[in-house]
Amino acid sequence: MEELNYVYVLAIVIIVFVVGELIVRRKNSLKLTLQFRLVFYGFVMVILYLSFPRIPSLASIGSHMDLNDNENKERLLTYLEKSNDVLHSLIEKVKLMIFITVFWLISIIISIIKHFKLESGQK
């Protein structure tokens, strides 16, 4: 179910980006293009930040555990499994954030280069 929500969020984000990009391109303004991409980048980063999983603290399983007791071993194993899942999810989202940042920077550089090529071609 959680993956389905991500599909909907991704679809909405892509639709908003495409519609916004089409509107901005009609205006043919570098300033407006850069502003739109910066605001959209911030919007996407906030969505990703809010989707970060919460890491359970070690205090939640008890501070003084006797590992000779089988029940404590099971609680520790459960805690470590949850932590592993959370860290894996967190790493995937940080990778996605890095990819989006690199993509965003490249798109900004391409927009600036195109603008100056058009500007120098008109002179």
PDB file of N, CA and C in Angstrom:
ATOM      1  N   MET A   1       0.823  -1.194   0.000  1.00  0.00           N
ATOM      2  CA  MET A   1       0.000   0.000   0.000  1.00  0.00           C
ATOM      3  C   MET A   1       0.865   1.255   0.000  1.00  0.00           C
ATOM      4  N   GLU A   2       1.979   1.197   0.716  1.00  0.00           N
ATOM      5  CA  GLU A   2       2.865   2.352   0.799  1.00  0.00           C
ATOM      6  C   GLU A   2       3.486   2.667  -0.556  1.00  0.00           C
ATOM      7  N   GLU A   3       3.830   1.628  -1.322  1.00  0.00           N
ATOM      8  CA  GLU A   3       4.402   1.828  -2.645  1.00  0.00           C
ATOM      9  C   GLU A   3       3.373   2.455  -3.587  1.00  0.00           C
ATOM     10  N   LEU A   4       2.109   2.116  -3.412  1.00  0.00           N
ATOM     11  CA  LEU A   4       1.058   2.672  -4.235  1.00  0.00           C
ATOM     12  C   LEU A   4       0.944   4.178  -4.000  1.00  0.00           C
ATOM     13  N   ASN A   5       1.085   4.610  -2.764  1.00  0.00           N
ATOM     14  CA  ASN A   5       1.049   6.033  -2.452  1.00  0.00           C
ATOM     15  C   ASN A   5       2.197   6.765  -3.135  1.00  0.00           C
ATOM     16  N   TYR A   6       3.375   6.146  -3.168  1.00  0.00           N
ATOM     17  CA  TYR A   6       4.517   6.771  -3.831  1.00  0.00           C
ATOM     18  C   TYR A   6       4.274   6.906  -5.323  1.00  0.00           C
ATOM     19  N   VAL A   7       3.581   5.950  -5.915  1.00  0.00           N
ATOM     20  CA  VAL A   7       3.262   6.029  -7.344  1.00  0.00           C
ATOM     21  C   VAL A   7       2.346   7.223  -7.606  1.00  0.00           C
ATOM     22  N   TYR A   8       1.339   7.409  -6.758  1.00  0.00           N
ATOM     23  CA  TYR A   8       0.440   8.547  -6.924  1.00  0.00           C
ATOM     24  C   TYR A   8       1.181   9.868  -6.723  1.00  0.00           C
ATOM     25  N   VAL A   9       1.999   9.952  -5.711  1.00  0.00           N
ATOM     26  CA  VAL A   9       2.761  11.175  -5.456  1.00  0.00           C
ATOM     27  C   VAL A   9       3.692  11.467  -6.629  1.00  0.00           C
ATOM     28  N   LEU A  10       4.375  10.447  -7.133  1.00  0.00           N
ATOM     29  CA  LEU A  10       5.272  10.631  -8.268  1.00  0.00           C
ATOM     30  C   LEU A  10       4.509  11.089  -9.508  1.00  0.00           C
ATOM     31  N   ALA A  11       3.348  10.508  -9.755  1.00  0.00           N
ATOM     32  CA  ALA A  11       2.537  10.908 -10.906  1.00  0.00           C
ATOM     33  C   ALA A  11       2.101  12.369 -10.790  1.00  0.00           C
ATOM     34  N   ILE A  12       1.660  12.769  -9.616  1.00  0.00           N
ATOM     35  CA  ILE A  12       1.236  14.158  -9.406  1.00  0.00           C
ATOM     36  C   ILE A  12       2.400  15.109  -9.588  1.00  0.00           C
ATOM     37  N   VAL A  13       3.572  14.760  -9.047  1.00  0.00           N
ATOM     38  CA  VAL A  13       4.755  15.613  -9.173  1.00  0.00           C
ATOM     39  C   VAL A  13       5.150  15.764 -10.638  1.00  0.00           C
ATOM     40  N   ILE A  14       5.125  14.689 -11.393  1.00  0.00           N
ATOM     41  CA  ILE A  14       5.487  14.752 -12.810  1.00  0.00           C
ATOM     42  C   ILE A  14       4.484  15.602 -13.592  1.00  0.00           C
ATOM     43  N   ILE A  15       3.200  15.436 -13.313  1.00  0.00           N
ATOM     44  CA  ILE A  15       2.183  16.225 -14.001  1.00  0.00           C
ATOM     45  C   ILE A  15       2.352  17.709 -13.693  1.00  0.00           C
ATOM     46  N   VAL A  16       2.570  18.049 -12.421  1.00  0.00           N
ATOM     47  CA  VAL A  16       2.765  19.451 -12.041  1.00  0.00           C
ATOM     48  C   VAL A  16       4.005  20.018 -12.728  1.00  0.00           C
ATOM     49  N   PHE A  17       5.077  19.235 -12.786  1.00  0.00           N
ATOM     50  CA  PHE A  17       6.302  19.717 -13.426  1.00  0.00           C
ATOM     51  C   PHE A  17       6.088  19.954 -14.916  1.00  0.00           C
ATOM     52  N   VAL A  18       5.450  19.018 -15.602  1.00  0.00           N
ATOM     53  CA  VAL A  18       5.241  19.151 -17.049  1.00  0.00           C
ATOM     54  C   VAL A  18       4.351  20.352 -17.354  1.00  0.00           C
ATOM     55  N   VAL A  19       3.253  20.496 -16.627  1.00  0.00           N
ATOM     56  CA  VAL A  19       2.347  21.624 -16.855  1.00  0.00           C
ATOM     57  C   VAL A  19       3.058  22.942 -16.553  1.00  0.00           C
ATOM     58  N   GLY A  20       3.753  23.007 -15.442  1.00  0.00           N
ATOM     59  CA  GLY A  20       4.488  24.221 -15.092  1.00  0.00           C
ATOM     60  C   GLY A  20       5.575  24.547 -16.102  1.00  0.00           C
ATOM     61  N   GLU A  21       6.278  23.538 -16.565  1.00  0.00           N
ATOM     62  CA  GLU A  21       7.345  23.748 -17.541  1.00  0.00           C
ATOM     63  C   GLU A  21       6.771  24.271 -18.862  1.00  0.00           C
ATOM     64  N   LEU A  22       5.627  23.737 -19.287  1.00  0.00           N
ATOM     65  CA  LEU A  22       4.996  24.231 -20.517  1.00  0.00           C
ATOM     66  C   LEU A  22       4.562  25.688 -20.385  1.00  0.00           C
ATOM     67  N   ILE A  23       4.021  26.043 -19.244  1.00  0.00           N
ATOM     68  CA  ILE A  23       3.600  27.432 -19.016  1.00  0.00           C
ATOM     69  C   ILE A  23       4.805  28.361 -19.009  1.00  0.00           C
ATOM     70  N   VAL A  24       5.873  27.939 -18.346  1.00  0.00           N
ATOM     71  CA  VAL A  24       7.072  28.774 -18.246  1.00  0.00           C
ATOM     72  C   VAL A  24       7.740  28.918 -19.611  1.00  0.00           C
ATOM     73  N   ARG A  25       7.768  27.879 -20.406  1.00  0.00           N
ATOM     74  CA  ARG A  25       8.409  27.951 -21.732  1.00  0.00           C
ATOM     75  C   ARG A  25       7.675  28.899 -22.670  1.00  0.00           C
ATOM     76  N   ARG A  26       6.371  29.024 -22.507  1.00  0.00           N
ATOM     77  CA  ARG A  26       5.612  29.966 -23.345  1.00  0.00           C
ATOM     78  C   ARG A  26       6.034  31.402 -23.062  1.00  0.00           C
ATOM     79  N   LYS A  27       6.398  31.680 -21.822  1.00  0.00           N
ATOM     80  CA  LYS A  27       6.820  33.036 -21.448  1.00  0.00           C
ATOM     81  C   LYS A  27       8.211  33.350 -21.982  1.00  0.00           C
ATOM     82  N   ASN A  28       9.039  32.313 -22.193  1.00  0.00           N
ATOM     83  CA  ASN A  28      10.394  32.454 -22.733  1.00  0.00           C
ATOM     84  C   ASN A  28      11.235  33.427 -21.897  1.00  0.00           C
ATOM     85  N   SER A  29      11.210  33.231 -20.581  1.00  0.00           N
ATOM     86  CA  SER A  29      11.952  34.090 -19.669  1.00  0.00           C
ATOM     87  C   SER A  29      12.888  33.224 -18.832  1.00  0.00           C
ATOM     88  N   LEU A  30      14.170  33.558 -18.863  1.00  0.00           N
ATOM     89  CA  LEU A  30      15.157  32.802 -18.082  1.00  0.00           C
ATOM     90  C   LEU A  30      14.880  32.942 -16.591  1.00  0.00           C
ATOM     91  N   LYS A  31      14.566  34.147 -16.158  1.00  0.00           N
ATOM     92  CA  LYS A  31      14.304  34.380 -14.738  1.00  0.00           C
ATOM     93  C   LYS A  31      13.121  33.547 -14.245  1.00  0.00           C
ATOM     94  N   LEU A  32      12.049  33.535 -15.030  1.00  0.00           N
ATOM     95  CA  LEU A  32      10.870  32.765 -14.650  1.00  0.00           C
ATOM     96  C   LEU A  32      11.173  31.265 -14.648  1.00  0.00           C
ATOM     97  N   THR A  33      11.956  30.801 -15.617  1.00  0.00           N
ATOM     98  CA  THR A  33      12.334  29.388 -15.681  1.00  0.00           C
ATOM     99  C   THR A  33      13.141  28.991 -14.459  1.00  0.00           C
ATOM    100  N   LEU A  34      14.119  29.813 -14.094  1.00  0.00           N
ATOM    101  CA  LEU A  34      14.953  29.499 -12.931  1.00  0.00           C
ATOM    102  C   LEU A  34      14.148  29.539 -11.646  1.00  0.00           C
ATOM    103  N   GLN A  35      13.238  30.498 -11.540  1.00  0.00           N
ATOM    104  CA  GLN A  35      12.398  30.577 -10.341  1.00  0.00           C
ATOM    105  C   GLN A  35      11.495  29.349 -10.224  1.00  0.00           C
ATOM    106  N   PHE A  36      10.882  28.956 -11.325  1.00  0.00           N
ATOM    107  CA  PHE A  36      10.001  27.788 -11.299  1.00  0.00           C
ATOM    108  C   PHE A  36      10.777  26.545 -10.896  1.00  0.00           C
ATOM    109  N   ARG A  37      11.936  26.335 -11.494  1.00  0.00           N
ATOM    110  CA  ARG A  37      12.708  25.134 -11.188  1.00  0.00           C
ATOM    111  C   ARG A  37      13.210  25.141  -9.747  1.00  0.00           C
ATOM    112  N   LEU A  38      13.565  26.303  -9.225  1.00  0.00           N
ATOM    113  CA  LEU A  38      14.008  26.379  -7.832  1.00  0.00           C
ATOM    114  C   LEU A  38      12.857  26.071  -6.874  1.00  0.00           C
ATOM    115  N   VAL A  39      11.696  26.629  -7.124  1.00  0.00           N
ATOM    116  CA  VAL A  39      10.541  26.372  -6.257  1.00  0.00           C
ATOM    117  C   VAL A  39      10.127  24.906  -6.351  1.00  0.00           C
ATOM    118  N   PHE A  40      10.127  24.367  -7.563  1.00  0.00           N
ATOM    119  CA  PHE A  40       9.752  22.966  -7.744  1.00  0.00           C
ATOM    120  C   PHE A  40      10.764  22.045  -7.066  1.00  0.00           C
ATOM    121  N   TYR A  41      12.050  22.373  -7.173  1.00  0.00           N
ATOM    122  CA  TYR A  41      13.097  21.594  -6.509  1.00  0.00           C
ATOM    123  C   TYR A  41      12.885  21.608  -4.990  1.00  0.00           C
ATOM    124  N   GLY A  42      12.602  22.765  -4.439  1.00  0.00           N
ATOM    125  CA  GLY A  42      12.332  22.862  -3.007  1.00  0.00           C
ATOM    126  C   GLY A  42      11.116  22.055  -2.599  1.00  0.00           C
ATOM    127  N   PHE A  43      10.086  22.085  -3.414  1.00  0.00           N
ATOM    128  CA  PHE A  43       8.861  21.319  -3.159  1.00  0.00           C
ATOM    129  C   PHE A  43       9.158  19.824  -3.125  1.00  0.00           C
ATOM    130  N   VAL A  44       9.915  19.345  -4.094  1.00  0.00           N
ATOM    131  CA  VAL A  44      10.251  17.917  -4.153  1.00  0.00           C
ATOM    132  C   VAL A  44      11.133  17.517  -2.965  1.00  0.00           C
ATOM    133  N   MET A  45      12.078  18.368  -2.593  1.00  0.00           N
ATOM    134  CA  MET A  45      12.955  18.047  -1.463  1.00  0.00           C
ATOM    135  C   MET A  45      12.169  17.984  -0.149  1.00  0.00           C
ATOM    136  N   VAL A  46      11.192  18.865   0.008  1.00  0.00           N
ATOM    137  CA  VAL A  46      10.356  18.831   1.216  1.00  0.00           C
ATOM    138  C   VAL A  46       9.535  17.544   1.261  1.00  0.00           C
ATOM    139  N   ILE A  47       8.981  17.141   0.109  1.00  0.00           N
ATOM    140  CA  ILE A  47       8.220  15.889   0.061  1.00  0.00           C
ATOM    141  C   ILE A  47       9.112  14.715   0.449  1.00  0.00           C
ATOM    142  N   LEU A  48      10.319  14.673  -0.104  1.00  0.00           N
ATOM    143  CA  LEU A  48      11.230  13.575   0.232  1.00  0.00           C
ATOM    144  C   LEU A  48      11.653  13.622   1.695  1.00  0.00           C
ATOM    145  N   TYR A  49      11.899  14.819   2.219  1.00  0.00           N
ATOM    146  CA  TYR A  49      12.293  14.938   3.622  1.00  0.00           C
ATOM    147  C   TYR A  49      11.181  14.450   4.551  1.00  0.00           C
ATOM    148  N   LEU A  50       9.950  14.805   4.229  1.00  0.00           N
ATOM    149  CA  LEU A  50       8.834  14.386   5.074  1.00  0.00           C
ATOM    150  C   LEU A  50       8.563  12.890   4.978  1.00  0.00           C
ATOM    151  N   SER A  51       9.058  12.261   3.925  1.00  0.00           N
ATOM    152  CA  SER A  51       8.844  10.823   3.789  1.00  0.00           C
ATOM    153  C   SER A  51       9.962  10.001   4.432  1.00  0.00           C
ATOM    154  N   PHE A  52      10.949  10.675   5.039  1.00  0.00           N
ATOM    155  CA  PHE A  52      12.010   9.933   5.729  1.00  0.00           C
ATOM    156  C   PHE A  52      11.411   9.103   6.854  1.00  0.00           C
ATOM    157  N   PRO A  53      11.852   7.872   6.989  1.00  0.00           N
ATOM    158  CA  PRO A  53      11.337   7.032   8.084  1.00  0.00           C
ATOM    159  C   PRO A  53      11.946   7.447   9.422  1.00  0.00           C
ATOM    160  N   ARG A  54      11.233   7.170  10.461  1.00  0.00           N
ATOM    161  CA  ARG A  54      11.727   7.447  11.816  1.00  0.00           C
ATOM    162  C   ARG A  54      12.529   6.245  12.297  1.00  0.00           C
ATOM    163  N   ILE A  55      13.693   6.510  12.844  1.00  0.00           N
ATOM    164  CA  ILE A  55      14.554   5.439  13.353  1.00  0.00           C
ATOM    165  C   ILE A  55      14.229   5.227  14.821  1.00  0.00           C
ATOM    166  N   PRO A  56      13.843   4.018  15.203  1.00  0.00           N
ATOM    167  CA  PRO A  56      13.536   3.775  16.619  1.00  0.00           C
ATOM    168  C   PRO A  56      14.809   3.859  17.458  1.00  0.00           C
ATOM    169  N   SER A  57      14.660   4.387  18.656  1.00  0.00           N
ATOM    170  CA  SER A  57      15.833   4.508  19.515  1.00  0.00           C
ATOM    171  C   SER A  57      16.086   3.200  20.256  1.00  0.00           C
ATOM    172  N   LEU A  58      17.316   3.018  20.638  1.00  0.00           N
ATOM    173  CA  LEU A  58      17.697   1.804  21.351  1.00  0.00           C
ATOM    174  C   LEU A  58      17.032   1.751  22.722  1.00  0.00           C
ATOM    175  N   ALA A  59      16.674   2.904  23.266  1.00  0.00           N
ATOM    176  CA  ALA A  59      16.015   2.935  24.573  1.00  0.00           C
ATOM    177  C   ALA A  59      14.618   2.307  24.514  1.00  0.00           C
ATOM    178  N   SER A  60      14.067   2.195  23.326  1.00  0.00           N
ATOM    179  CA  SER A  60      12.719   1.635  23.217  1.00  0.00           C
ATOM    180  C   SER A  60      12.678   0.140  23.527  1.00  0.00           C
ATOM    181  N   ILE A  61      13.825  -0.528  23.493  1.00  0.00           N
ATOM    182  CA  ILE A  61      13.816  -1.963  23.797  1.00  0.00           C
ATOM    183  C   ILE A  61      14.327  -2.254  25.204  1.00  0.00           C
ATOM    184  N   GLY A  62      14.710  -1.220  25.908  1.00  0.00           N
ATOM    185  CA  GLY A  62      15.173  -1.415  27.286  1.00  0.00           C
ATOM    186  C   GLY A  62      16.653  -1.104  27.390  1.00  0.00           C
ATOM    187  N   SER A  63      17.008  -0.387  28.432  1.00  0.00           N
ATOM    188  CA  SER A  63      18.407   0.027  28.559  1.00  0.00           C
ATOM    189  C   SER A  63      19.285  -1.062  29.163  1.00  0.00           C
ATOM    190  N   HIS A  64      18.735  -1.849  30.065  1.00  0.00           N
ATOM    191  CA  HIS A  64      19.525  -2.905  30.695  1.00  0.00           C
ATOM    192  C   HIS A  64      18.964  -4.250  30.266  1.00  0.00           C
ATOM    193  N   MET A  65      19.626  -4.855  29.304  1.00  0.00           N
ATOM    194  CA  MET A  65      19.145  -6.136  28.799  1.00  0.00           C
ATOM    195  C   MET A  65      20.165  -7.217  29.121  1.00  0.00           C
ATOM    196  N   ASP A  66      19.651  -8.314  29.551  1.00  0.00           N
ATOM    197  CA  ASP A  66      20.493  -9.483  29.775  1.00  0.00           C
ATOM    198  C   ASP A  66      20.399 -10.349  28.527  1.00  0.00           C
ATOM    199  N   LEU A  67      21.482 -10.432  27.770  1.00  0.00           N
ATOM    200  CA  LEU A  67      21.445 -11.170  26.509  1.00  0.00           C
ATOM    201  C   LEU A  67      21.432 -12.681  26.713  1.00  0.00           C
ATOM    202  N   ASN A  68      21.526 -13.120  27.937  1.00  0.00           N
ATOM    203  CA  ASN A  68      21.402 -14.555  28.197  1.00  0.00           C
ATOM    204  C   ASN A  68      19.937 -14.995  28.159  1.00  0.00           C
ATOM    205  N   ASP A  69      19.033 -14.026  28.302  1.00  0.00           N
ATOM    206  CA  ASP A  69      17.601 -14.310  28.277  1.00  0.00           C
ATOM    207  C   ASP A  69      17.136 -14.347  26.811  1.00  0.00           C
ATOM    208  N   ASN A  70      16.450 -15.416  26.409  1.00  0.00           N
ATOM    209  CA  ASN A  70      16.011 -15.581  25.016  1.00  0.00           C
ATOM    210  C   ASN A  70      15.022 -14.503  24.583  1.00  0.00           C
ATOM    211  N   GLU A  71      14.160 -14.052  25.499  1.00  0.00           N
ATOM    212  CA  GLU A  71      13.194 -13.013  25.146  1.00  0.00           C
ATOM    213  C   GLU A  71      13.913 -11.716  24.776  1.00  0.00           C
ATOM    214  N   ASN A  72      14.960 -11.381  25.509  1.00  0.00           N
ATOM    215  CA  ASN A  72      15.729 -10.179  25.204  1.00  0.00           C
ATOM    216  C   ASN A  72      16.473 -10.315  23.876  1.00  0.00           C
ATOM    217  N   LYS A  73      16.927 -11.498  23.570  1.00  0.00           N
ATOM    218  CA  LYS A  73      17.594 -11.719  22.289  1.00  0.00           C
ATOM    219  C   LYS A  73      16.618 -11.505  21.135  1.00  0.00           C
ATOM    220  N   GLU A  74      15.391 -11.974  21.303  1.00  0.00           N
ATOM    221  CA  GLU A  74      14.380 -11.796  20.262  1.00  0.00           C
ATOM    222  C   GLU A  74      14.008 -10.325  20.108  1.00  0.00           C
ATOM    223  N   ARG A  75      13.896  -9.622  21.219  1.00  0.00           N
ATOM    224  CA  ARG A  75      13.591  -8.188  21.154  1.00  0.00           C
ATOM    225  C   ARG A  75      14.720  -7.438  20.465  1.00  0.00           C
ATOM    226  N   LEU A  76      15.961  -7.797  20.776  1.00  0.00           N
ATOM    227  CA  LEU A  76      17.101  -7.146  20.142  1.00  0.00           C
ATOM    228  C   LEU A  76      17.138  -7.451  18.648  1.00  0.00           C
ATOM    229  N   LEU A  77      16.882  -8.687  18.284  1.00  0.00           N
ATOM    230  CA  LEU A  77      16.859  -9.065  16.873  1.00  0.00           C
ATOM    231  C   LEU A  77      15.761  -8.310  16.127  1.00  0.00           C
ATOM    232  N   THR A  78      14.586  -8.201  16.720  1.00  0.00           N
ATOM    233  CA  THR A  78      13.486  -7.458  16.103  1.00  0.00           C
ATOM    234  C   THR A  78      13.871  -5.993  15.927  1.00  0.00           C
ATOM    235  N   TYR A  79      14.489  -5.423  16.945  1.00  0.00           N
ATOM    236  CA  TYR A  79      14.929  -4.031  16.868  1.00  0.00           C
ATOM    237  C   TYR A  79      15.955  -3.846  15.747  1.00  0.00           C
ATOM    238  N   LEU A  80      16.910  -4.742  15.648  1.00  0.00           N
ATOM    239  CA  LEU A  80      17.940  -4.624  14.614  1.00  0.00           C
ATOM    240  C   LEU A  80      17.353  -4.799  13.215  1.00  0.00           C
ATOM    241  N   GLU A  81      16.384  -5.684  13.071  1.00  0.00           N
ATOM    242  CA  GLU A  81      15.723  -5.858  11.772  1.00  0.00           C
ATOM    243  C   GLU A  81      14.970  -4.597  11.368  1.00  0.00           C
ATOM    244  N   LYS A  82      14.251  -3.987  12.320  1.00  0.00           N
ATOM    245  CA  LYS A  82      13.534  -2.746  12.030  1.00  0.00           C
ATOM    246  C   LYS A  82      14.516  -1.636  11.661  1.00  0.00           C
ATOM    247  N   SER A  83      15.591  -1.557  12.415  1.00  0.00           N
ATOM    248  CA  SER A  83      16.596  -0.531  12.133  1.00  0.00           C
ATOM    249  C   SER A  83      17.215  -0.732  10.758  1.00  0.00           C
ATOM    250  N   ASN A  84      17.459  -1.966  10.388  1.00  0.00           N
ATOM    251  CA  ASN A  84      18.024  -2.272   9.080  1.00  0.00           C
ATOM    252  C   ASN A  84      17.060  -1.844   7.968  1.00  0.00           C
ATOM    253  N   ASP A  85      15.784  -2.145   8.129  1.00  0.00           N
ATOM    254  CA  ASP A  85      14.788  -1.740   7.134  1.00  0.00           C
ATOM    255  C   ASP A  85      14.705  -0.219   7.017  1.00  0.00           C
ATOM    256  N   VAL A  86      14.712   0.448   8.148  1.00  0.00           N
ATOM    257  CA  VAL A  86      14.631   1.907   8.156  1.00  0.00           C
ATOM    258  C   VAL A  86      15.871   2.506   7.494  1.00  0.00           C
ATOM    259  N   LEU A  87      17.044   1.992   7.815  1.00  0.00           N
ATOM    260  CA  LEU A  87      18.261   2.520   7.210  1.00  0.00           C
ATOM    261  C   LEU A  87      18.299   2.273   5.708  1.00  0.00           C
ATOM    262  N   HIS A  88      17.825   1.122   5.270  1.00  0.00           N
ATOM    263  CA  HIS A  88      17.772   0.837   3.838  1.00  0.00           C
ATOM    264  C   HIS A  88      16.851   1.833   3.136  1.00  0.00           C
ATOM    265  N   SER A  89      15.695   2.088   3.700  1.00  0.00           N
ATOM    266  CA  SER A  89      14.758   3.054   3.124  1.00  0.00           C
ATOM    267  C   SER A  89      15.357   4.456   3.108  1.00  0.00           C
ATOM    268  N   LEU A  90      16.026   4.815   4.179  1.00  0.00           N
ATOM    269  CA  LEU A  90      16.654   6.129   4.274  1.00  0.00           C
ATOM    270  C   LEU A  90      17.750   6.294   3.229  1.00  0.00           C
ATOM    271  N   ILE A  91      18.553   5.283   3.037  1.00  0.00           N
ATOM    272  CA  ILE A  91      19.623   5.337   2.038  1.00  0.00           C
ATOM    273  C   ILE A  91      19.042   5.489   0.640  1.00  0.00           C
ATOM    274  N   GLU A  92      17.970   4.780   0.344  1.00  0.00           N
ATOM    275  CA  GLU A  92      17.341   4.890  -0.976  1.00  0.00           C
ATOM    276  C   GLU A  92      16.805   6.300  -1.212  1.00  0.00           C
ATOM    277  N   LYS A  93      16.221   6.908  -0.190  1.00  0.00           N
ATOM    278  CA  LYS A  93      15.683   8.253  -0.351  1.00  0.00           C
ATOM    279  C   LYS A  93      16.789   9.287  -0.476  1.00  0.00           C
ATOM    280  N   VAL A  94      17.890   9.105   0.227  1.00  0.00           N
ATOM    281  CA  VAL A  94      19.024  10.027   0.087  1.00  0.00           C
ATOM    282  C   VAL A  94      19.637   9.899  -1.310  1.00  0.00           C
ATOM    283  N   LYS A  95      19.724   8.677  -1.833  1.00  0.00           N
ATOM    284  CA  LYS A  95      20.205   8.493  -3.210  1.00  0.00           C
ATOM    285  C   LYS A  95      19.290   9.226  -4.194  1.00  0.00           C
ATOM    286  N   LEU A  96      17.987   9.122  -3.974  1.00  0.00           N
ATOM    287  CA  LEU A  96      17.034   9.807  -4.840  1.00  0.00           C
ATOM    288  C   LEU A  96      17.203  11.327  -4.747  1.00  0.00           C
ATOM    289  N   MET A  97      17.429  11.821  -3.544  1.00  0.00           N
ATOM    290  CA  MET A  97      17.651  13.261  -3.367  1.00  0.00           C
ATOM    291  C   MET A  97      18.912  13.720  -4.104  1.00  0.00           C
ATOM    292  N   ILE A  98      19.967  12.920  -4.040  1.00  0.00           N
ATOM    293  CA  ILE A  98      21.202  13.263  -4.744  1.00  0.00           C
ATOM    294  C   ILE A  98      20.971  13.253  -6.255  1.00  0.00           C
ATOM    295  N   PHE A  99      20.263  12.245  -6.757  1.00  0.00           N
ATOM    296  CA  PHE A  99      19.965  12.179  -8.188  1.00  0.00           C
ATOM    297  C   PHE A  99      19.151  13.390  -8.630  1.00  0.00           C
ATOM    298  N   ILE A 100      18.131  13.752  -7.866  1.00  0.00           N
ATOM    299  CA  ILE A 100      17.291  14.900  -8.214  1.00  0.00           C
ATOM    300  C   ILE A 100      18.111  16.186  -8.189  1.00  0.00           C
ATOM    301  N   THR A 101      19.010  16.323  -7.226  1.00  0.00           N
ATOM    302  CA  THR A 101      19.845  17.513  -7.144  1.00  0.00           C
ATOM    303  C   THR A 101      20.758  17.619  -8.355  1.00  0.00           C
ATOM    304  N   VAL A 102      21.389  16.532  -8.753  1.00  0.00           N
ATOM    305  CA  VAL A 102      22.263  16.549  -9.929  1.00  0.00           C
ATOM    306  C   VAL A 102      21.440  16.857 -11.183  1.00  0.00           C
ATOM    307  N   PHE A 103      20.270  16.233 -11.324  1.00  0.00           N
ATOM    308  CA  PHE A 103      19.400  16.488 -12.468  1.00  0.00           C
ATOM    309  C   PHE A 103      18.974  17.948 -12.500  1.00  0.00           C
ATOM    310  N   TRP A 104      18.636  18.493 -11.344  1.00  0.00           N
ATOM    311  CA  TRP A 104      18.214  19.884 -11.257  1.00  0.00           C
ATOM    312  C   TRP A 104      19.350  20.816 -11.663  1.00  0.00           C
ATOM    313  N   LEU A 105      20.558  20.571 -11.167  1.00  0.00           N
ATOM    314  CA  LEU A 105      21.687  21.422 -11.525  1.00  0.00           C
ATOM    315  C   LEU A 105      21.977  21.367 -13.021  1.00  0.00           C
ATOM    316  N   ILE A 106      21.921  20.182 -13.598  1.00  0.00           N
ATOM    317  CA  ILE A 106      22.158  20.054 -15.042  1.00  0.00           C
ATOM    318  C   ILE A 106      21.077  20.794 -15.828  1.00  0.00           C
ATOM    319  N   SER A 107      19.821  20.693 -15.398  1.00  0.00           N
ATOM    320  CA  SER A 107      18.751  21.391 -16.115  1.00  0.00           C
ATOM    321  C   SER A 107      18.900  22.907 -16.010  1.00  0.00           C
ATOM    322  N   ILE A 108      19.366  23.399 -14.876  1.00  0.00           N
ATOM    323  CA  ILE A 108      19.596  24.838 -14.723  1.00  0.00           C
ATOM    324  C   ILE A 108      20.726  25.284 -15.648  1.00  0.00           C
ATOM    325  N   ILE A 109      21.808  24.521 -15.692  1.00  0.00           N
ATOM    326  CA  ILE A 109      22.949  24.875 -16.550  1.00  0.00           C
ATOM    327  C   ILE A 109      22.525  24.856 -18.019  1.00  0.00           C
ATOM    328  N   ILE A 110      21.755  23.863 -18.423  1.00  0.00           N
ATOM    329  CA  ILE A 110      21.280  23.791 -19.812  1.00  0.00           C
ATOM    330  C   ILE A 110      20.391  24.986 -20.142  1.00  0.00           C
ATOM    331  N   SER A 111      19.516  25.377 -19.224  1.00  0.00           N
ATOM    332  CA  SER A 111      18.641  26.532 -19.465  1.00  0.00           C
ATOM    333  C   SER A 111      19.450  27.803 -19.636  1.00  0.00           C
ATOM    334  N   ILE A 112      20.458  27.984 -18.824  1.00  0.00           N
ATOM    335  CA  ILE A 112      21.289  29.189 -18.915  1.00  0.00           C
ATOM    336  C   ILE A 112      22.071  29.201 -20.230  1.00  0.00           C
ATOM    337  N   ILE A 113      22.632  28.056 -20.610  1.00  0.00           N
ATOM    338  CA  ILE A 113      23.381  27.977 -21.866  1.00  0.00           C
ATOM    339  C   ILE A 113      22.473  28.268 -23.056  1.00  0.00           C
ATOM    340  N   LYS A 114      21.274  27.683 -23.076  1.00  0.00           N
ATOM    341  CA  LYS A 114      20.335  27.936 -24.175  1.00  0.00           C
ATOM    342  C   LYS A 114      19.955  29.405 -24.244  1.00  0.00           C
ATOM    343  N   HIS A 115      19.732  30.014 -23.078  1.00  0.00           N
ATOM    344  CA  HIS A 115      19.355  31.423 -23.049  1.00  0.00           C
ATOM    345  C   HIS A 115      20.457  32.294 -23.642  1.00  0.00           C
ATOM    346  N   PHE A 116      21.686  32.052 -23.262  1.00  0.00           N
ATOM    347  CA  PHE A 116      22.780  32.880 -23.769  1.00  0.00           C
ATOM    348  C   PHE A 116      23.089  32.592 -25.237  1.00  0.00           C
ATOM    349  N   LYS A 117      22.859  31.372 -25.705  1.00  0.00           N
ATOM    350  CA  LYS A 117      23.013  31.074 -27.134  1.00  0.00           C
ATOM    351  C   LYS A 117      21.965  31.826 -27.945  1.00  0.00           C
ATOM    352  N   LEU A 118      20.726  31.814 -27.468  1.00  0.00           N
ATOM    353  CA  LEU A 118      19.670  32.563 -28.164  1.00  0.00           C
ATOM    354  C   LEU A 118      19.934  34.055 -28.130  1.00  0.00           C
ATOM    355  N   GLU A 119      20.413  34.526 -26.990  1.00  0.00           N
ATOM    356  CA  GLU A 119      20.694  35.947 -26.845  1.00  0.00           C
ATOM    357  C   GLU A 119      21.839  36.381 -27.757  1.00  0.00           C
ATOM    358  N   SER A 120      22.884  35.569 -27.849  1.00  0.00           N
ATOM    359  CA  SER A 120      24.018  35.930 -28.707  1.00  0.00           C
ATOM    360  C   SER A 120      23.662  35.753 -30.180  1.00  0.00           C
ATOM    361  N   GLY A 121      22.748  34.878 -30.506  1.00  0.00           N
ATOM    362  CA  GLY A 121      22.316  34.668 -31.879  1.00  0.00           C
ATOM    363  C   GLY A 121      21.445  35.811 -32.384  1.00  0.00           C
ATOM    364  N   GLN A 122      20.774  36.530 -31.487  1.00  0.00           N
ATOM    365  CA  GLN A 122      19.916  37.633 -31.888  1.00  0.00           C
ATOM    366  C   GLN A 122      20.704  38.892 -32.181  1.00  0.00           C
ATOM    367  N   LYS A 123      21.930  38.980 -31.688  1.00  0.00           N
ATOM    368  CA  LYS A 123      22.729  40.199 -31.891  1.00  0.00           C
ATOM    369  C   LYS A 123      23.335  40.264 -33.238  1.00  0.00           C
TER     370      LYS A 123
END
